[in-house]
C-alpha atoms as a PDB file:
ATOM      1  CA  MET A   1      93.792 122.578 106.188  1.00  0.00           C
ATOM      2  CA  ASP A   2      93.412 119.211 107.905  1.00  0.00           C
ATOM      3  CA  GLU A   3      96.633 118.967 109.907  1.00  0.00           C
ATOM      4  CA  SER A   4      96.112 115.251 110.615  1.00  0.00           C
ATOM      5  CA  VAL A   5      96.078 114.446 106.885  1.00  0.00           C
ATOM      6  CA  ILE A   6      99.080 116.673 106.175  1.00  0.00           C
ATOM      7  CA  GLY A   7     100.757 115.097 109.206  1.00  0.00           C
ATOM      8  CA  ARG A   8     100.319 111.618 107.716  1.00  0.00           C
ATOM      9  CA  VAL A   9     101.732 112.759 104.370  1.00  0.00           C
ATOM     10  CA  ARG A  10     104.663 114.328 106.275  1.00  0.00           C
ATOM     11  CA  GLU A  11     105.220 111.110 108.245  1.00  0.00           C
ATOM     12  CA  ILE A  12     105.307 108.991 105.067  1.00  0.00           C
ATOM     13  CA  CYS A  13     107.712 111.386 103.338  1.00  0.00           C
ATOM     14  CA  GLN A  14     110.055 111.748 106.291  1.00  0.00           C
ATOM     15  CA  ARG A  15     110.564 107.969 106.516  1.00  0.00           C
ATOM     16  CA  LEU A  16     112.445 108.183 103.222  1.00  0.00           C
ATOM     17  CA  PRO A  17     116.222 108.795 103.076  1.00  0.00           C
ATOM     18  CA  GLU A  18     117.483 112.396 103.100  1.00  0.00           C
ATOM     19  CA  VAL A  19     114.044 114.008 102.786  1.00  0.00           C
ATOM     20  CA  GLU A  20     113.761 117.687 103.509  1.00  0.00           C
ATOM     21  CA  GLU A  21     110.529 119.621 104.067  1.00  0.00           C
ATOM     22  CA  LYS A  22     110.715 122.952 102.313  1.00  0.00           C
ATOM     23  CA  ALA A  23     107.926 125.105 100.880  1.00  0.00           C
ATOM     24  CA  PHE A  24     107.828 125.554  97.107  1.00  0.00           C
ATOM     25  CA  GLY A  25     108.434 129.050  95.756  1.00  0.00           C
ATOM     26  CA  GLY A  26     106.404 131.666  97.622  1.00  0.00           C
ATOM     27  CA  HIS A  27     103.995 129.077  99.017  1.00  0.00           C
ATOM     28  CA  THR A  28     103.710 128.098 102.673  1.00  0.00           C
ATOM     29  CA  ALA A  29     102.254 124.597 102.224  1.00  0.00           C
ATOM     30  CA  PRO A  30     104.540 121.662 103.015  1.00  0.00           C
ATOM     31  CA  SER A  31     106.526 120.276 100.111  1.00  0.00           C
ATOM     32  CA  PHE A  32     109.042 117.471 100.276  1.00  0.00           C
ATOM     33  CA  ARG A  33     112.363 117.217  98.496  1.00  0.00           C
ATOM     34  CA  VAL A  34     115.269 114.876  98.113  1.00  0.00           C
ATOM     35  CA  ARG A  35     118.560 116.546  97.197  1.00  0.00           C
ATOM     36  CA  ASP A  36     116.552 119.753  96.619  1.00  0.00           C
ATOM     37  CA  LYS A  37     114.300 118.091  94.012  1.00  0.00           C
ATOM     38  CA  LEU A  38     110.557 118.067  94.673  1.00  0.00           C
ATOM     39  CA  PHE A  39     108.774 114.732  94.883  1.00  0.00           C
ATOM     40  CA  VAL A  40     105.602 115.727  96.812  1.00  0.00           C
ATOM     41  CA  MET A  41     103.830 119.082  97.051  1.00  0.00           C
ATOM     42  CA  THR A  42     100.716 119.850  99.064  1.00  0.00           C
ATOM     43  CA  SER A  43      98.245 122.574  98.185  1.00  0.00           C
ATOM     44  CA  GLU A  44      97.909 125.776 100.188  1.00  0.00           C
ATOM     45  CA  ASP A  45      94.413 124.754 101.317  1.00  0.00           C
ATOM     46  CA  GLY A  46      95.576 121.251 102.319  1.00  0.00           C
ATOM     47  CA  LEU A  47      92.954 119.587 100.138  1.00  0.00           C
ATOM     48  CA  SER A  48      95.321 117.965  97.648  1.00  0.00           C
ATOM     49  CA  MET A  49      98.855 116.844  96.996  1.00  0.00           C
ATOM     50  CA  THR A  50     100.850 116.403  93.807  1.00  0.00           C
ATOM     51  CA  PHE A  51     103.477 113.736  93.166  1.00  0.00           C
ATOM     52  CA  LYS A  52     105.434 112.241  90.258  1.00  0.00           C
ATOM     53  CA  GLY A  53     104.186 109.079  88.571  1.00  0.00           C
ATOM     54  CA  GLY A  54     105.812 106.612  86.223  1.00  0.00           C
ATOM     55  CA  PRO A  55     104.699 106.073  82.629  1.00  0.00           C
ATOM     56  CA  GLY A  56     100.973 105.285  82.436  1.00  0.00           C
ATOM     57  CA  VAL A  57     100.324 105.686  86.168  1.00  0.00           C
ATOM     58  CA  GLN A  58      98.608 109.065  85.884  1.00  0.00           C
ATOM     59  CA  GLU A  59      96.237 107.809  83.202  1.00  0.00           C
ATOM     60  CA  ALA A  60      95.408 104.637  85.122  1.00  0.00           C
ATOM     61  CA  LEU A  61      94.743 106.381  88.451  1.00  0.00           C
ATOM     62  CA  VAL A  62      92.624 109.149  86.929  1.00  0.00           C
ATOM     63  CA  ALA A  63      90.619 106.633  84.869  1.00  0.00           C
ATOM     64  CA  ASP A  64      90.075 104.246  87.811  1.00  0.00           C
ATOM     65  CA  ALA A  65      89.326 106.833  90.523  1.00  0.00           C
ATOM     66  CA  PRO A  66      88.543 110.293  89.070  1.00  0.00           C
ATOM     67  CA  ASP A  67      86.996 111.340  92.395  1.00  0.00           C
ATOM     68  CA  GLN A  68      90.383 110.747  94.091  1.00  0.00           C
ATOM     69  CA  PHE A  69      93.016 111.491  91.409  1.00  0.00           C
ATOM     70  CA  PHE A  70      93.355 114.235  88.798  1.00  0.00           C
ATOM     71  CA  VAL A  71      95.773 115.725  86.281  1.00  0.00           C
ATOM     72  CA  PRO A  72      97.219 118.819  87.983  1.00  0.00           C
ATOM     73  CA  PRO A  73      97.772 122.083  86.115  1.00  0.00           C
ATOM     74  CA  TYR A  74     101.303 123.007  84.994  1.00  0.00           C
ATOM     75  CA  VAL A  75     103.000 119.692  85.881  1.00  0.00           C
ATOM     76  CA  GLY A  76     100.358 117.184  84.751  1.00  0.00           C
ATOM     77  CA  SER A  77     101.844 117.061  81.260  1.00  0.00           C
ATOM     78  CA  LYS A  78     105.102 115.831  82.836  1.00  0.00           C
ATOM     79  CA  GLY A  79     103.471 112.813  84.509  1.00  0.00           C
ATOM     80  CA  TRP A  80     102.664 114.405  87.866  1.00  0.00           C
ATOM     81  CA  ILE A  81      99.444 113.279  89.556  1.00  0.00           C
ATOM     82  CA  GLY A  82      97.095 115.135  91.860  1.00  0.00           C
ATOM     83  CA  ALA A  83      95.392 113.366  94.779  1.00  0.00           C
ATOM     84  CA  ARG A  84      92.486 114.813  96.712  1.00  0.00           C
ATOM     85  CA  LEU A  85      93.183 114.644 100.436  1.00  0.00           C
ATOM     86  CA  ASP A  86      89.631 115.523 101.455  1.00  0.00           C
ATOM     87  CA  ALA A  87      88.246 112.186 100.196  1.00  0.00           C
ATOM     88  CA  PRO A  88      88.461 108.801 101.938  1.00  0.00           C
ATOM     89  CA  LEU A  89      92.072 107.682 101.598  1.00  0.00           C
ATOM     90  CA  ASP A  90      93.740 104.316 101.297  1.00  0.00           C
ATOM     91  CA  TRP A  91      96.896 105.237 103.214  1.00  0.00           C
ATOM     92  CA  ALA A  92      98.774 102.141 102.047  1.00  0.00           C
ATOM     93  CA  GLU A  93      98.180 103.199  98.435  1.00  0.00           C
ATOM     94  CA  ILE A  94      99.143 106.818  99.206  1.00  0.00           C
ATOM     95  CA  ALA A  95     102.372 105.611 100.866  1.00  0.00           C
ATOM     96  CA  ASP A  96     103.191 103.445  97.822  1.00  0.00           C
ATOM     97  CA  LEU A  97     102.556 106.355  95.452  1.00  0.00           C
ATOM     98  CA  ILE A  98     104.733 108.695  97.534  1.00  0.00           C
ATOM     99  CA  GLU A  99     107.536 106.102  97.611  1.00  0.00           C
ATOM    100  CA  ASP A 100     107.246 105.633  93.845  1.00  0.00           C
ATOM    101  CA  SER A 101     107.511 109.403  93.345  1.00  0.00           C
ATOM    102  CA  TYR A 102     110.583 109.462  95.565  1.00  0.00           C
ATOM    103  CA  ARG A 103     112.176 106.624  93.553  1.00  0.00           C
ATOM    104  CA  LEU A 104     111.598 108.543  90.323  1.00  0.00           C
ATOM    105  CA  ILE A 105     113.253 111.702  91.682  1.00  0.00           C
ATOM    106  CA  ALA A 106     115.951 110.487  94.099  1.00  0.00           C
ATOM    107  CA  PRO A 107     119.369 109.232  93.038  1.00  0.00           C
ATOM    108  CA  LYS A 108     119.389 105.427  92.698  1.00  0.00           C
ATOM    109  CA  ARG A 109     121.754 105.079  95.672  1.00  0.00           C
ATOM    110  CA  LEU A 110     119.171 106.731  97.936  1.00  0.00           C
ATOM    111  CA  SER A 111     116.088 105.060  96.497  1.00  0.00           C
ATOM    112  CA  SER A 112     117.712 101.657  97.000  1.00  0.00           C
ATOM    113  CA  ARG A 113     117.796 102.421 100.746  1.00  0.00           C
ATOM    114  CA  ILE A 114     113.995 102.603 101.122  1.00  0.00           C
ATOM    115  CA  GLY A 115     112.957 100.195 103.843  1.00  0.00           C
ATOM    116  CA  GLU A 116     116.425  99.797 105.322  1.00  0.00           C
ATOM    117  CA  PRO A 117     116.685 100.400 109.065  1.00  0.00           C
ATOM    118  CA  GLU A 118     118.245 103.715 110.066  1.00  0.00           C
ATOM    119  CA  THR A 119     121.814 103.431 111.346  1.00  0.00           C
END
């Protein structure tokens, strides 16, 4: 597992309001939740992450960059997207995708606070 890559994912997630890092099920890999709802999961080997996408996003990302994005097993049919973390990454795009996943999962009151300074 590349700790620097997982560290960057963690940093992006933890900038968002009320995010909690908590492993999923019996796994030990970092996963990120808002109000106990998952919005980002990383794989046990640290080579990929999974996040929620809006309508059409999964199809567009997989079609445009199949070496970077994929349809994950189990949750892919629900619009979740897999991203390979062992490929060259556009961190601005990854941050946008993580924020979009958060917005889809978090209550509107919390998602409206993205980008506000902490008080």
